[in-house]
Amino acid sequence: MKLPVPLLSLAVAGLAAMPAWCEGARMMLDCTAVTSCTQTGTCNEASRPYAITIAPQDIDVDGAGSYAITISETSHDAKGFARTGPFHWQVGDYGLHTLTLTGEATALMIRQDTTPNGTVAPRADIDFLQCEVTF
């Protein structure tokens, strides 16, 4: 089938405008936590490395759906609301983690411990990340 030149031009322009990151593609983040905060707002400088791979598994056109999140060689099944997050997953029975890309080279990692111990409220740590992103 031959497309008329104007229609072919529109098709090519549409392909060029597609996002580089589609279902099946992976996004790798080489990050360092530069600041770490507690749920009470106490913050300290940090230098903890994070090697993160975000791989879409079953997502819709907006990027919502299931993802595989790998952090330092440990993979987790996650849910994402868009291609830039937030991504949510559970670690063990009581660990809830959230990763959100906040800019071209920044992200937030929230680690919550919801262990029901009866005397101490659940706690959370928030890491501010600087990242190099590759596809």
Protein backbone atom coordinates (compact mmCIF):
# COMPACT_ATOMS: atom_id res chain seq x y z
CA MET A 1 0.00 0.00 0.00
CA LYS A 2 1.35 3.41 -0.95
CA LEU A 3 0.52 6.38 1.21
CA PRO A 4 0.13 9.83 -0.32
CA VAL A 5 3.11 12.06 0.56
CA PRO A 6 1.17 14.28 3.03
CA LEU A 7 -0.17 11.21 4.85
CA LEU A 8 3.25 9.56 4.84
CA SER A 9 4.77 12.76 6.27
CA LEU A 10 2.22 12.74 9.10
CA ALA A 11 2.97 9.08 9.85
CA VAL A 12 6.73 9.70 10.00
CA ALA A 13 6.22 12.79 12.18
CA GLY A 14 4.06 10.72 14.53
CA LEU A 15 6.76 8.07 14.85
CA ALA A 16 9.39 10.69 15.59
CA ALA A 17 7.19 12.16 18.32
CA MET A 18 6.73 8.82 20.12
CA PRO A 19 8.42 8.67 23.51
CA ALA A 20 11.73 6.85 23.62
CA TRP A 21 10.46 4.76 26.48
CA CYS A 22 7.72 2.34 25.44
CA GLU A 23 6.45 -0.87 26.96
CA GLY A 24 9.24 -3.43 27.03
CA ALA A 25 11.99 -0.79 27.19
CA ARG A 26 14.03 -0.35 30.33
CA MET A 27 15.09 2.78 32.13
CA MET A 28 18.28 2.54 34.18
CA LEU A 29 19.03 4.99 36.97
CA ASP A 30 22.49 5.23 38.48
CA CYS A 31 21.63 7.22 41.61
CA THR A 32 23.19 8.45 44.81
CA ALA A 33 21.16 9.46 47.85
CA VAL A 34 22.48 12.94 48.64
CA THR A 35 20.12 13.68 51.54
CA SER A 36 18.27 11.25 53.79
CA CYS A 37 15.39 12.34 56.04
CA THR A 38 13.25 10.70 58.70
CA GLN A 39 9.47 11.01 58.88
CA THR A 40 9.95 13.74 61.51
CA GLY A 41 11.93 15.94 59.13
CA THR A 42 15.42 15.31 60.50
CA CYS A 43 17.75 15.26 57.48
CA ASN A 44 21.41 14.37 57.00
CA GLU A 45 23.83 14.28 54.11
CA ALA A 46 24.07 10.85 52.53
CA SER A 47 26.13 9.07 49.89
CA ARG A 48 24.26 5.77 49.52
CA PRO A 49 24.32 4.38 45.94
CA TYR A 50 21.21 3.06 44.20
CA ALA A 51 21.40 1.11 40.94
CA ILE A 52 17.78 1.04 39.76
CA THR A 53 16.21 -0.55 36.68
CA ILE A 54 12.58 0.20 35.83
CA ALA A 55 11.08 -2.23 33.32
CA PRO A 56 7.46 -1.90 32.20
CA GLN A 57 5.60 -5.22 32.21
CA ASP A 58 1.97 -4.42 31.39
CA ILE A 59 1.21 -0.70 31.04
CA ASP A 60 -1.41 1.41 29.33
CA VAL A 61 -0.79 4.30 26.94
CA ASP A 62 -0.22 6.68 29.88
CA GLY A 63 2.29 4.36 31.55
CA ALA A 64 0.02 3.13 34.34
CA GLY A 65 0.30 -0.56 35.17
CA SER A 66 2.78 -3.15 36.36
CA TYR A 67 6.55 -2.76 36.40
CA ALA A 68 9.59 -4.73 37.51
CA ILE A 69 11.79 -2.54 39.71
CA THR A 70 15.29 -3.87 40.33
CA ILE A 71 17.44 -2.23 42.98
CA SER A 72 20.95 -3.55 43.48
CA GLU A 73 20.07 -6.88 41.82
CA THR A 74 16.88 -7.46 43.86
CA SER A 75 13.73 -7.37 41.74
CA HIS A 76 10.27 -6.32 42.94
CA ASP A 77 6.84 -6.38 41.30
CA ALA A 78 5.61 -2.78 41.36
CA LYS A 79 2.62 -0.72 40.33
CA GLY A 80 3.18 2.57 38.54
CA PHE A 81 0.79 5.42 37.87
CA ALA A 82 2.81 6.89 34.97
CA ARG A 83 6.17 6.36 33.25
CA THR A 84 7.81 8.63 35.84
CA GLY A 85 6.01 7.12 38.82
CA PRO A 86 5.18 7.05 41.48
CA PHE A 87 6.06 3.36 41.61
CA HIS A 88 4.91 1.36 44.66
CA TRP A 89 5.99 -2.08 45.88
CA GLN A 90 6.11 -4.13 49.05
CA VAL A 91 9.23 -5.59 50.67
CA GLY A 92 8.46 -8.42 53.08
CA ASP A 93 5.30 -8.21 55.15
CA TYR A 94 5.58 -4.62 56.33
CA GLY A 95 7.94 -2.69 54.05
CA LEU A 96 6.28 -0.29 51.61
CA HIS A 97 8.51 1.48 49.10
CA THR A 98 7.78 4.35 46.72
CA LEU A 99 10.00 5.75 43.97
CA THR A 100 9.10 8.94 42.12
CA LEU A 101 11.14 10.63 39.42
CA THR A 102 11.05 14.35 40.22
CA GLY A 103 13.15 15.79 37.40
CA GLU A 104 15.55 14.84 34.62
CA ALA A 105 18.22 13.85 37.15
CA THR A 106 16.39 13.66 40.49
CA ALA A 107 14.13 11.22 42.31
CA LEU A 108 12.64 10.48 45.73
CA MET A 109 12.78 7.08 47.43
CA ILE A 110 10.43 6.56 50.38
CA ARG A 111 10.87 3.47 52.54
CA GLN A 112 8.09 2.85 55.07
CA ASP A 113 8.12 0.26 57.85
CA THR A 114 4.55 -0.49 58.91
CA THR A 115 5.40 -3.23 61.44
CA PRO A 116 2.52 -3.36 63.95
CA ASN A 117 4.51 -3.51 67.18
CA GLY A 118 1.98 -1.79 69.44
CA THR A 119 4.29 0.74 71.09
CA VAL A 120 6.17 2.58 68.36
CA ALA A 121 4.50 4.24 65.41
CA PRO A 122 5.48 3.05 61.94
CA ARG A 123 8.49 4.89 60.56
CA ALA A 124 9.74 6.08 57.19
CA ASP A 125 12.94 7.25 55.56
CA ILE A 126 13.01 9.58 52.57
CA ASP A 127 16.06 9.70 50.29
CA PHE A 128 16.64 12.55 47.85
CA LEU A 129 18.44 11.05 44.85
CA GLN A 130 20.69 12.50 42.15
CA CYS A 131 20.61 10.18 39.14
CA GLU A 132 22.08 9.57 35.74
CA VAL A 133 19.31 8.12 33.57
CA THR A 134 19.80 5.91 30.51
CA PHE A 135 17.36 4.01 28.31
